[in-house]
Every structure is written in structure tokens, then in C-alpha cells.
Amino acid sequence: MEQEITELPDYNKISFKEQAPVPLEEVLPDASPQALDLLGRFLLYPPQQRISASQALLHHYFFTAPLPVHPSELPIPQRPGGPAPKAHPGPPHVHDFHVDRPLEESLLNPELIRPFIPEG
């Protein structure tokens, strides 16, 4: 059973003046509407109203451009006066992602996660 915040032992030790929340659009003015929606769903209180991890992985933020890619597929920033970066266009997005399938089935290159899989 989850405890509510008011039931925690130190809840009444500190009090803050009530303030209106700052809209996420002002905190993150360059974020897309999809990113703001997902972040807002993570920040909900009480916790039972927050988006679950499996729901979050299927949020439309992860399926709108620019699509998530492995770091090796990201463009390399150009240093002033340095050579032009090589483009990493990456393969087209063709996978159907689902949180209940093994991660290896969703990756373009399963070898990318091999170092992180415990042997056993």
C-alpha cells in the first residue's frame, strides 16, 4: 500500500508558501509539444496518476521526428575552424517497437546492447 505525502513522518516539518506553477512551455521553450506532454505526464501528483514506464515508451514523443537513434548515428558537432563533420544519416525507421518484446528485436543493430547484457 502506498503512503500519501501527508502521511509521511516529516511532512509537517516544513511549509512553503503556495505559488502558481510555472508552465512547462516557459521552463523549456524549445521543447516540442510532444516532449512537454510526456514530461507533464511524468510530473503528475499523486503518483497513481503518472504515466507508467511501459506507457511512456509508447508515447507519441518517441515516434515523431526526430526519431531516437543510437549515439553513433548522431551528427558530429563541428568545431570552429575544423573540418566539416561527416553525416550519419542512419537507416530508415522500419521497426515496430513494443515494450513487451525483447529489446534485441527492436534495435536496428542488436550488437549495440551486447556489452550491457549480463552473461549467465
C-alpha atoms as a PDB file:
ATOM      1  CA  MET A   1       0.000   0.000   0.000  1.00  0.00           C
ATOM      2  CA  GLU A   2       1.408   3.378  -0.978  1.00  0.00           C
ATOM      3  CA  GLN A   3       1.639   6.201   1.532  1.00  0.00           C
ATOM      4  CA  GLU A   4       0.236   9.583   0.708  1.00  0.00           C
ATOM      5  CA  ILE A   5       2.566  12.543   1.175  1.00  0.00           C
ATOM      6  CA  THR A   6       0.580  13.824   4.161  1.00  0.00           C
ATOM      7  CA  GLU A   7       1.193  10.507   5.950  1.00  0.00           C
ATOM      8  CA  LEU A   8       4.987  10.789   5.803  1.00  0.00           C
ATOM      9  CA  PRO A   9       6.635  11.444   9.196  1.00  0.00           C
ATOM     10  CA  ASP A  10       8.348  14.726   8.233  1.00  0.00           C
ATOM     11  CA  TYR A  11       5.507  16.177   6.154  1.00  0.00           C
ATOM     12  CA  ASN A  12       4.554  18.925   8.634  1.00  0.00           C
ATOM     13  CA  LYS A  13       8.126  19.991   9.494  1.00  0.00           C
ATOM     14  CA  ILE A  14       8.447  22.391   6.548  1.00  0.00           C
ATOM     15  CA  SER A  15       5.862  24.558   4.876  1.00  0.00           C
ATOM     16  CA  PHE A  16       6.071  26.544   1.682  1.00  0.00           C
ATOM     17  CA  LYS A  17       4.005  29.464   0.522  1.00  0.00           C
ATOM     18  CA  GLU A  18       1.604  28.349  -2.185  1.00  0.00           C
ATOM     19  CA  GLN A  19       2.662  29.516  -5.634  1.00  0.00           C
ATOM     20  CA  ALA A  20       1.208  29.138  -9.089  1.00  0.00           C
ATOM     21  CA  PRO A  21       3.200  26.642 -11.180  1.00  0.00           C
ATOM     22  CA  VAL A  22       5.428  27.919 -13.964  1.00  0.00           C
ATOM     23  CA  PRO A  23       4.128  26.464 -17.256  1.00  0.00           C
ATOM     24  CA  LEU A  24       6.482  23.885 -18.763  1.00  0.00           C
ATOM     25  CA  GLU A  25       6.403  25.860 -22.019  1.00  0.00           C
ATOM     26  CA  GLU A  26       8.178  28.699 -20.186  1.00  0.00           C
ATOM     27  CA  VAL A  27      10.700  26.415 -18.475  1.00  0.00           C
ATOM     28  CA  LEU A  28      11.541  24.588 -21.726  1.00  0.00           C
ATOM     29  CA  PRO A  29      10.652  26.996 -24.541  1.00  0.00           C
ATOM     30  CA  ASP A  30      12.422  24.932 -27.227  1.00  0.00           C
ATOM     31  CA  ALA A  31      10.744  21.627 -26.344  1.00  0.00           C
ATOM     32  CA  SER A  32       8.232  20.135 -28.741  1.00  0.00           C
ATOM     33  CA  PRO A  33       4.575  19.798 -27.713  1.00  0.00           C
ATOM     34  CA  GLN A  34       5.071  16.009 -27.567  1.00  0.00           C
ATOM     35  CA  ALA A  35       8.079  16.379 -25.225  1.00  0.00           C
ATOM     36  CA  LEU A  36       6.139  18.755 -22.967  1.00  0.00           C
ATOM     37  CA  ASP A  37       3.179  16.373 -22.862  1.00  0.00           C
ATOM     38  CA  LEU A  38       5.372  13.409 -21.886  1.00  0.00           C
ATOM     39  CA  LEU A  39       7.257  15.420 -19.247  1.00  0.00           C
ATOM     40  CA  GLY A  40       3.987  16.708 -17.815  1.00  0.00           C
ATOM     41  CA  ARG A  41       2.717  13.134 -17.501  1.00  0.00           C
ATOM     42  CA  PHE A  42       5.872  12.202 -15.546  1.00  0.00           C
ATOM     43  CA  LEU A  43       5.436  15.107 -13.122  1.00  0.00           C
ATOM     44  CA  LEU A  44       1.850  14.401 -12.059  1.00  0.00           C
ATOM     45  CA  TYR A  45       0.914  14.142  -8.413  1.00  0.00           C
ATOM     46  CA  PRO A  46      -0.437  11.910  -6.927  1.00  0.00           C
ATOM     47  CA  PRO A  47       1.835   9.152  -8.267  1.00  0.00           C
ATOM     48  CA  GLN A  48      -1.107   6.927  -9.266  1.00  0.00           C
ATOM     49  CA  GLN A  49      -1.918   9.474 -11.989  1.00  0.00           C
ATOM     50  CA  ARG A  50       1.609   9.422 -13.507  1.00  0.00           C
ATOM     51  CA  ILE A  51       2.312   7.678 -16.784  1.00  0.00           C
ATOM     52  CA  SER A  52       3.763   4.186 -16.365  1.00  0.00           C
ATOM     53  CA  ALA A  53       7.127   3.251 -17.867  1.00  0.00           C
ATOM     54  CA  SER A  54       5.512   0.939 -20.437  1.00  0.00           C
ATOM     55  CA  GLN A  55       3.002   3.636 -21.428  1.00  0.00           C
ATOM     56  CA  ALA A  56       5.790   6.223 -21.642  1.00  0.00           C
ATOM     57  CA  LEU A  57       7.805   4.051 -24.037  1.00  0.00           C
ATOM     58  CA  LEU A  58       4.819   4.019 -26.384  1.00  0.00           C
ATOM     59  CA  HIS A  59       4.164   7.783 -26.114  1.00  0.00           C
ATOM     60  CA  HIS A  60       3.943   9.606 -29.453  1.00  0.00           C
ATOM     61  CA  TYR A  61       7.059  11.637 -28.500  1.00  0.00           C
ATOM     62  CA  PHE A  62       9.221   8.607 -29.359  1.00  0.00           C
ATOM     63  CA  PHE A  63       7.545   8.100 -32.744  1.00  0.00           C
ATOM     64  CA  THR A  64       7.709  11.630 -34.167  1.00  0.00           C
ATOM     65  CA  ALA A  65      10.664  13.232 -35.913  1.00  0.00           C
ATOM     66  CA  PRO A  66      13.415  13.346 -34.997  1.00  0.00           C
ATOM     67  CA  LEU A  67      13.246   9.665 -34.122  1.00  0.00           C
ATOM     68  CA  PRO A  68      15.511   8.276 -31.374  1.00  0.00           C
ATOM     69  CA  VAL A  69      18.812   6.905 -32.632  1.00  0.00           C
ATOM     70  CA  HIS A  70      21.916   5.306 -31.207  1.00  0.00           C
ATOM     71  CA  PRO A  71      24.601   7.912 -30.353  1.00  0.00           C
ATOM     72  CA  SER A  72      26.779   6.598 -33.185  1.00  0.00           C
ATOM     73  CA  GLU A  73      24.107   7.790 -35.639  1.00  0.00           C
ATOM     74  CA  LEU A  74      24.028  11.383 -34.337  1.00  0.00           C
ATOM     75  CA  PRO A  75      25.759  14.130 -36.306  1.00  0.00           C
ATOM     76  CA  ILE A  76      29.156  15.172 -35.006  1.00  0.00           C
ATOM     77  CA  PRO A  77      29.252  18.826 -33.906  1.00  0.00           C
ATOM     78  CA  GLN A  78      31.634  20.951 -35.940  1.00  0.00           C
ATOM     79  CA  ARG A  79      34.363  22.847 -34.126  1.00  0.00           C
ATOM     80  CA  PRO A  80      35.027  26.384 -35.324  1.00  0.00           C
ATOM     81  CA  GLY A  81      37.754  26.272 -37.970  1.00  0.00           C
ATOM     82  CA  GLY A  82      37.754  22.471 -38.011  1.00  0.00           C
ATOM     83  CA  PRO A  83      36.840  20.058 -40.785  1.00  0.00           C
ATOM     84  CA  ALA A  84      33.198  19.583 -41.736  1.00  0.00           C
ATOM     85  CA  PRO A  85      31.546  16.740 -39.812  1.00  0.00           C
ATOM     86  CA  LYS A  86      30.617  13.512 -41.537  1.00  0.00           C
ATOM     87  CA  ALA A  87      26.883  12.976 -41.718  1.00  0.00           C
ATOM     88  CA  HIS A  88      25.397   9.924 -40.034  1.00  0.00           C
ATOM     89  CA  PRO A  89      22.037   9.636 -41.777  1.00  0.00           C
ATOM     90  CA  GLY A  90      21.191   6.308 -40.173  1.00  0.00           C
ATOM     91  CA  PRO A  91      18.906   3.670 -41.591  1.00  0.00           C
ATOM     92  CA  PRO A  92      15.220   4.375 -42.206  1.00  0.00           C
ATOM     93  CA  HIS A  93      12.840   3.766 -39.320  1.00  0.00           C
ATOM     94  CA  VAL A  94      11.292   0.400 -40.102  1.00  0.00           C
ATOM     95  CA  HIS A  95      10.903  -1.321 -36.721  1.00  0.00           C
ATOM     96  CA  ASP A  96       7.682  -1.855 -34.868  1.00  0.00           C
ATOM     97  CA  PHE A  97       8.542  -1.189 -31.216  1.00  0.00           C
ATOM     98  CA  HIS A  98       6.639  -2.780 -28.362  1.00  0.00           C
ATOM     99  CA  VAL A  99       7.592  -2.816 -24.695  1.00  0.00           C
ATOM    100  CA  ASP A 100       6.642  -6.470 -24.251  1.00  0.00           C
ATOM    101  CA  ARG A 101       9.113  -7.673 -26.902  1.00  0.00           C
ATOM    102  CA  PRO A 102      12.808  -8.229 -26.130  1.00  0.00           C
ATOM    103  CA  LEU A 103      14.920  -5.136 -26.773  1.00  0.00           C
ATOM    104  CA  GLU A 104      17.100  -7.048 -29.248  1.00  0.00           C
ATOM    105  CA  GLU A 105      14.089  -7.389 -31.564  1.00  0.00           C
ATOM    106  CA  SER A 106      13.543  -3.625 -31.633  1.00  0.00           C
ATOM    107  CA  LEU A 107      17.096  -2.487 -32.328  1.00  0.00           C
ATOM    108  CA  LEU A 108      18.498  -1.775 -35.737  1.00  0.00           C
ATOM    109  CA  ASN A 109      21.776  -3.318 -34.567  1.00  0.00           C
ATOM    110  CA  PRO A 110      21.451  -5.736 -31.597  1.00  0.00           C
ATOM    111  CA  GLU A 111      25.249  -5.655 -31.143  1.00  0.00           C
ATOM    112  CA  LEU A 112      24.834  -2.154 -29.666  1.00  0.00           C
ATOM    113  CA  ILE A 113      23.455  -3.578 -26.409  1.00  0.00           C
ATOM    114  CA  ARG A 114      25.577  -6.738 -26.186  1.00  0.00           C
ATOM    115  CA  PRO A 115      28.139  -5.123 -23.770  1.00  0.00           C
ATOM    116  CA  PHE A 116      25.277  -4.311 -21.367  1.00  0.00           C
ATOM    117  CA  ILE A 117      23.702  -7.786 -21.221  1.00  0.00           C
ATOM    118  CA  PRO A 118      24.989  -9.778 -18.231  1.00  0.00           C
ATOM    119  CA  GLU A 119      26.414 -13.175 -19.085  1.00  0.00           C
ATOM    120  CA  GLY A 120      24.857 -16.041 -17.303  1.00  0.00           C
END
